Amino acid sequence: MIERRNEPRTKLDLALRVWGIDGKGEQFLQEARARDISLSGALLSGLDLNLHSGDVIGILYAGKSARYRVVWVRYDGAGEKMQVAVHRVEADACPWLDLLVEASEAEAAPVATQAP
């Protein structure tokens, strides 16, 4: 499979809130999880909304918010909850930038070895 991502993903499991207007024109605010996060996107899970590709939603994490465009939507095996791939609207700052910096620094840190 060819990798189409322009940046690496960091595997974390974050609790966050998602808000916006669904396909029926109804406002929503819902708790969700994000994993495989990057500077410009994430994979959300645990949503039970009527979302479609191209919709714009808001994500609130650790007191920081940003708008994201829905790239694709996939239902779980029971057809009740959704996985949603999102891409950040460029004008907004990444709400989990601090976590990505920490993960990058931890990955780049040299491993300490003990002398025999």
N, C-alpha and C. Protein backbone atom coordinates (compact mmCIF):
# COMPACT_ATOMS: atom_id res chain seq x y z
N MET A 1 0.84 -1.18 0.00
CA MET A 1 0.00 0.00 0.00
C MET A 1 0.89 1.25 0.00
N ILE A 2 0.57 2.20 -0.83
CA ILE A 2 1.34 3.42 -0.94
C ILE A 2 0.91 4.40 0.14
N GLU A 3 1.89 4.94 0.85
CA GLU A 3 1.62 5.93 1.91
C GLU A 3 1.44 7.29 1.27
N ARG A 4 0.28 7.93 1.48
CA ARG A 4 0.00 9.23 0.89
C ARG A 4 0.15 10.38 1.87
N ARG A 5 0.46 10.10 3.11
CA ARG A 5 0.57 11.16 4.10
C ARG A 5 1.86 11.95 3.91
N ASN A 6 1.77 13.25 4.15
CA ASN A 6 2.93 14.12 4.02
C ASN A 6 3.70 14.27 5.32
N GLU A 7 3.14 13.78 6.41
CA GLU A 7 3.79 13.93 7.70
C GLU A 7 3.53 12.69 8.54
N PRO A 8 4.41 12.42 9.51
CA PRO A 8 4.23 11.23 10.33
C PRO A 8 3.04 11.35 11.28
N ARG A 9 2.47 10.22 11.61
CA ARG A 9 1.39 10.15 12.60
C ARG A 9 1.97 9.66 13.91
N THR A 10 1.44 10.18 15.01
CA THR A 10 1.83 9.75 16.35
C THR A 10 0.67 8.99 16.95
N LYS A 11 0.94 7.78 17.42
CA LYS A 11 -0.12 6.95 17.98
C LYS A 11 -0.34 7.31 19.44
N LEU A 12 -1.41 8.06 19.69
CA LEU A 12 -1.84 8.43 21.04
C LEU A 12 -3.33 8.20 21.12
N ASP A 13 -3.87 8.17 22.30
CA ASP A 13 -5.31 8.04 22.50
C ASP A 13 -5.76 9.24 23.33
N LEU A 14 -6.38 10.22 22.68
CA LEU A 14 -6.76 11.46 23.34
C LEU A 14 -8.27 11.56 23.49
N ALA A 15 -8.72 11.99 24.66
CA ALA A 15 -10.13 12.32 24.86
C ALA A 15 -10.31 13.78 24.47
N LEU A 16 -11.34 14.06 23.68
CA LEU A 16 -11.60 15.42 23.23
C LEU A 16 -13.08 15.61 22.99
N ARG A 17 -13.44 16.83 22.60
CA ARG A 17 -14.84 17.14 22.28
C ARG A 17 -14.91 17.60 20.83
N VAL A 18 -15.99 17.21 20.19
CA VAL A 18 -16.24 17.57 18.80
C VAL A 18 -17.55 18.33 18.76
N TRP A 19 -17.59 19.43 18.00
CA TRP A 19 -18.84 20.19 17.88
C TRP A 19 -19.03 20.65 16.44
N GLY A 20 -20.25 21.03 16.15
CA GLY A 20 -20.55 21.55 14.81
C GLY A 20 -22.03 21.43 14.51
N ILE A 21 -22.33 21.33 13.22
CA ILE A 21 -23.70 21.15 12.75
C ILE A 21 -23.71 19.90 11.88
N ASP A 22 -24.60 18.95 12.20
CA ASP A 22 -24.63 17.69 11.46
C ASP A 22 -25.39 17.83 10.14
N GLY A 23 -25.54 16.73 9.43
CA GLY A 23 -26.20 16.72 8.13
C GLY A 23 -27.66 17.11 8.16
N LYS A 24 -28.28 17.09 9.32
CA LYS A 24 -29.68 17.48 9.46
C LYS A 24 -29.82 18.94 9.88
N GLY A 25 -28.70 19.65 10.00
CA GLY A 25 -28.73 21.04 10.43
C GLY A 25 -28.83 21.22 11.92
N GLU A 26 -28.60 20.15 12.68
CA GLU A 26 -28.69 20.18 14.13
C GLU A 26 -27.30 20.43 14.74
N GLN A 27 -27.24 21.30 15.74
CA GLN A 27 -25.98 21.52 16.45
C GLN A 27 -25.67 20.30 17.31
N PHE A 28 -24.39 20.00 17.45
CA PHE A 28 -23.99 18.88 18.30
C PHE A 28 -22.73 19.23 19.08
N LEU A 29 -22.57 18.56 20.19
CA LEU A 29 -21.37 18.59 21.02
C LEU A 29 -21.23 17.19 21.57
N GLN A 30 -20.13 16.53 21.25
CA GLN A 30 -19.99 15.13 21.64
C GLN A 30 -18.56 14.81 22.03
N GLU A 31 -18.41 13.92 22.99
CA GLU A 31 -17.10 13.42 23.38
C GLU A 31 -16.65 12.39 22.35
N ALA A 32 -15.36 12.34 22.10
CA ALA A 32 -14.80 11.38 21.14
C ALA A 32 -13.36 11.08 21.53
N ARG A 33 -12.73 10.21 20.77
CA ARG A 33 -11.33 9.86 20.96
C ARG A 33 -10.59 10.17 19.67
N ALA A 34 -9.33 10.57 19.79
CA ALA A 34 -8.48 10.78 18.62
C ALA A 34 -7.26 9.89 18.76
N ARG A 35 -6.84 9.32 17.65
CA ARG A 35 -5.60 8.54 17.62
C ARG A 35 -4.94 8.77 16.27
N ASP A 36 -3.75 8.32 16.15
CA ASP A 36 -2.98 8.57 14.93
C ASP A 36 -3.02 10.05 14.57
N ILE A 37 -2.56 10.87 15.50
CA ILE A 37 -2.62 12.32 15.31
C ILE A 37 -1.38 12.82 14.58
N SER A 38 -1.53 13.95 13.90
CA SER A 38 -0.41 14.62 13.27
C SER A 38 -0.66 16.12 13.39
N LEU A 39 0.25 16.90 12.88
CA LEU A 39 0.10 18.34 12.91
C LEU A 39 -1.16 18.78 12.17
N SER A 40 -1.51 18.08 11.11
CA SER A 40 -2.64 18.53 10.29
C SER A 40 -3.87 17.63 10.33
N GLY A 41 -3.84 16.53 11.06
CA GLY A 41 -5.01 15.66 11.04
C GLY A 41 -5.04 14.66 12.17
N ALA A 42 -6.10 13.83 12.13
CA ALA A 42 -6.27 12.79 13.14
C ALA A 42 -7.34 11.81 12.68
N LEU A 43 -7.39 10.69 13.37
CA LEU A 43 -8.46 9.71 13.17
C LEU A 43 -9.30 9.75 14.44
N LEU A 44 -10.57 10.15 14.30
CA LEU A 44 -11.50 10.22 15.44
C LEU A 44 -12.31 8.95 15.50
N SER A 45 -12.70 8.54 16.70
CA SER A 45 -13.55 7.36 16.86
C SER A 45 -14.58 7.61 17.94
N GLY A 46 -15.62 6.76 17.94
CA GLY A 46 -16.67 6.85 18.96
C GLY A 46 -17.75 7.87 18.67
N LEU A 47 -17.83 8.35 17.45
CA LEU A 47 -18.84 9.35 17.09
C LEU A 47 -20.12 8.67 16.61
N ASP A 48 -21.25 9.25 16.94
CA ASP A 48 -22.53 8.75 16.44
C ASP A 48 -23.32 9.90 15.81
N LEU A 49 -22.67 10.58 14.90
CA LEU A 49 -23.24 11.76 14.24
C LEU A 49 -23.51 11.48 12.78
N ASN A 50 -24.23 12.37 12.15
CA ASN A 50 -24.50 12.27 10.72
C ASN A 50 -23.53 13.19 9.98
N LEU A 51 -22.28 12.73 9.82
CA LEU A 51 -21.24 13.52 9.17
C LEU A 51 -20.94 12.96 7.79
N HIS A 52 -20.42 13.84 6.91
CA HIS A 52 -20.08 13.45 5.55
C HIS A 52 -18.75 14.08 5.17
N SER A 53 -18.09 13.51 4.18
CA SER A 53 -16.86 14.11 3.65
C SER A 53 -17.12 15.55 3.27
N GLY A 54 -16.20 16.42 3.66
CA GLY A 54 -16.33 17.84 3.35
C GLY A 54 -16.92 18.67 4.46
N ASP A 55 -17.61 18.03 5.42
CA ASP A 55 -18.17 18.78 6.56
C ASP A 55 -17.03 19.39 7.36
N VAL A 56 -17.28 20.54 7.98
CA VAL A 56 -16.30 21.17 8.87
C VAL A 56 -16.82 21.03 10.30
N ILE A 57 -15.95 20.53 11.17
CA ILE A 57 -16.29 20.35 12.58
C ILE A 57 -15.25 21.07 13.43
N GLY A 58 -15.57 21.30 14.68
CA GLY A 58 -14.63 21.87 15.62
C GLY A 58 -14.15 20.79 16.57
N ILE A 59 -12.89 20.87 16.98
CA ILE A 59 -12.33 19.95 17.96
C ILE A 59 -11.74 20.77 19.09
N LEU A 60 -12.09 20.39 20.31
CA LEU A 60 -11.57 21.02 21.51
C LEU A 60 -10.74 20.00 22.26
N TYR A 61 -9.46 20.34 22.49
CA TYR A 61 -8.57 19.47 23.24
C TYR A 61 -7.72 20.34 24.17
N ALA A 62 -7.72 20.02 25.44
CA ALA A 62 -6.89 20.70 26.45
C ALA A 62 -7.06 22.22 26.40
N GLY A 63 -8.28 22.68 26.23
CA GLY A 63 -8.56 24.11 26.23
C GLY A 63 -8.24 24.81 24.92
N LYS A 64 -7.78 24.07 23.92
CA LYS A 64 -7.46 24.65 22.62
C LYS A 64 -8.41 24.07 21.58
N SER A 65 -8.82 24.92 20.64
CA SER A 65 -9.75 24.44 19.62
C SER A 65 -9.25 24.76 18.22
N ALA A 66 -9.75 23.99 17.26
CA ALA A 66 -9.42 24.19 15.86
C ALA A 66 -10.54 23.59 15.01
N ARG A 67 -10.65 24.09 13.79
CA ARG A 67 -11.63 23.54 12.84
C ARG A 67 -10.94 22.49 11.96
N TYR A 68 -11.69 21.45 11.67
CA TYR A 68 -11.19 20.34 10.86
C TYR A 68 -12.23 19.99 9.80
N ARG A 69 -11.74 19.62 8.62
CA ARG A 69 -12.62 19.17 7.53
C ARG A 69 -12.63 17.65 7.54
N VAL A 70 -13.82 17.06 7.42
CA VAL A 70 -13.97 15.61 7.38
C VAL A 70 -13.46 15.11 6.02
N VAL A 71 -12.52 14.16 6.05
CA VAL A 71 -11.97 13.58 4.83
C VAL A 71 -12.76 12.36 4.43
N TRP A 72 -12.98 11.44 5.37
CA TRP A 72 -13.81 10.27 5.12
C TRP A 72 -14.47 9.80 6.42
N VAL A 73 -15.53 9.01 6.24
CA VAL A 73 -16.30 8.48 7.37
C VAL A 73 -16.45 6.98 7.16
N ARG A 74 -16.25 6.21 8.23
CA ARG A 74 -16.40 4.76 8.17
C ARG A 74 -17.16 4.31 9.42
N TYR A 75 -18.15 3.45 9.25
CA TYR A 75 -18.91 2.94 10.39
C TYR A 75 -18.24 1.70 10.96
N ASP A 76 -18.41 1.49 12.28
CA ASP A 76 -17.85 0.31 12.91
C ASP A 76 -18.65 -0.93 12.48
N GLY A 77 -18.26 -2.09 12.97
CA GLY A 77 -18.90 -3.34 12.59
C GLY A 77 -20.38 -3.39 12.88
N ALA A 78 -20.83 -2.76 13.96
CA ALA A 78 -22.25 -2.75 14.32
C ALA A 78 -23.01 -1.65 13.58
N GLY A 79 -22.31 -0.77 12.90
CA GLY A 79 -22.96 0.31 12.15
C GLY A 79 -23.50 1.42 13.03
N GLU A 80 -23.01 1.51 14.27
CA GLU A 80 -23.54 2.51 15.20
C GLU A 80 -22.59 3.68 15.41
N LYS A 81 -21.32 3.41 15.55
CA LYS A 81 -20.32 4.46 15.81
C LYS A 81 -19.47 4.63 14.55
N MET A 82 -18.89 5.82 14.43
CA MET A 82 -18.10 6.11 13.25
C MET A 82 -16.65 6.36 13.58
N GLN A 83 -15.81 6.07 12.61
CA GLN A 83 -14.44 6.55 12.59
C GLN A 83 -14.43 7.65 11.55
N VAL A 84 -13.77 8.74 11.87
CA VAL A 84 -13.76 9.90 10.98
C VAL A 84 -12.33 10.41 10.84
N ALA A 85 -11.83 10.45 9.61
CA ALA A 85 -10.53 11.05 9.35
C ALA A 85 -10.75 12.53 9.11
N VAL A 86 -9.95 13.36 9.77
CA VAL A 86 -10.11 14.81 9.65
C VAL A 86 -8.79 15.47 9.30
N HIS A 87 -8.89 16.62 8.63
CA HIS A 87 -7.72 17.41 8.24
C HIS A 87 -7.95 18.84 8.72
N ARG A 88 -6.97 19.40 9.43
CA ARG A 88 -7.10 20.73 10.05
C ARG A 88 -7.20 21.83 9.00
N VAL A 89 -8.09 22.77 9.27
CA VAL A 89 -8.19 23.98 8.46
C VAL A 89 -6.92 24.78 8.74
N GLU A 90 -6.16 25.12 7.71
CA GLU A 90 -4.81 25.68 7.88
C GLU A 90 -4.76 26.96 8.71
N ALA A 91 -5.80 27.75 8.70
CA ALA A 91 -5.78 29.00 9.45
C ALA A 91 -5.77 28.78 10.96
N ASP A 92 -6.14 27.60 11.42
CA ASP A 92 -6.24 27.31 12.85
C ASP A 92 -4.98 26.59 13.35
N ALA A 93 -4.59 26.88 14.59
CA ALA A 93 -3.42 26.23 15.19
C ALA A 93 -3.78 24.82 15.65
N CYS A 94 -2.82 23.92 15.59
CA CYS A 94 -3.03 22.54 16.01
C CYS A 94 -3.22 22.48 17.52
N PRO A 95 -4.34 21.92 18.02
CA PRO A 95 -4.58 21.90 19.46
C PRO A 95 -3.68 20.94 20.24
N TRP A 96 -3.08 19.97 19.57
CA TRP A 96 -2.21 19.01 20.27
C TRP A 96 -0.76 19.14 19.86
N LEU A 97 -0.37 20.32 19.42
CA LEU A 97 1.01 20.57 19.01
C LEU A 97 2.00 20.23 20.12
N ASP A 98 1.71 20.60 21.35
CA ASP A 98 2.61 20.33 22.47
C ASP A 98 2.88 18.83 22.62
N LEU A 99 1.85 18.00 22.44
CA LEU A 99 2.04 16.55 22.53
C LEU A 99 2.93 16.03 21.42
N LEU A 100 2.76 16.57 20.22
CA LEU A 100 3.59 16.13 19.09
C LEU A 100 5.05 16.51 19.31
N VAL A 101 5.29 17.70 19.86
CA VAL A 101 6.66 18.14 20.15
C VAL A 101 7.28 17.23 21.20
N GLU A 102 6.53 16.91 22.25
CA GLU A 102 7.03 16.02 23.30
C GLU A 102 7.36 14.64 22.75
N ALA A 103 6.47 14.10 21.93
CA ALA A 103 6.69 12.77 21.34
C ALA A 103 7.91 12.77 20.43
N SER A 104 8.09 13.83 19.67
CA SER A 104 9.24 13.95 18.77
C SER A 104 10.54 14.04 19.55
N GLU A 105 10.52 14.82 20.63
CA GLU A 105 11.72 14.96 21.46
C GLU A 105 12.06 13.65 22.15
N ALA A 106 11.06 12.93 22.61
CA ALA A 106 11.30 11.65 23.28
C ALA A 106 11.87 10.63 22.29
N GLU A 107 11.40 10.67 21.07
CA GLU A 107 11.88 9.75 20.04
C GLU A 107 13.32 10.07 19.64
N ALA A 108 13.67 11.34 19.64
CA ALA A 108 15.01 11.77 19.22
C ALA A 108 16.04 11.68 20.34
N ALA A 109 15.60 11.55 21.58
CA ALA A 109 16.53 11.52 22.72
C ALA A 109 17.41 10.28 22.65
N PRO A 110 18.71 10.42 22.89
CA PRO A 110 19.59 9.25 22.87
C PRO A 110 19.28 8.31 24.04
N VAL A 111 19.44 7.06 23.79
CA VAL A 111 19.19 6.06 24.83
C VAL A 111 20.44 5.98 25.72
N ALA A 112 20.24 6.14 27.02
CA ALA A 112 21.35 6.08 27.98
C ALA A 112 21.78 4.63 28.18
N THR A 113 23.06 4.41 28.12
CA THR A 113 23.58 3.07 28.37
C THR A 113 24.51 3.13 29.58
N GLN A 114 24.57 2.03 30.26
CA GLN A 114 25.45 1.95 31.43
C GLN A 114 26.75 1.27 31.05
N ALA A 115 27.83 1.78 31.56
CA ALA A 115 29.13 1.16 31.29
C ALA A 115 29.24 -0.12 32.11
N PRO A 116 29.88 -1.16 31.54
CA PRO A 116 30.01 -2.44 32.28
C PRO A 116 30.95 -2.36 33.44
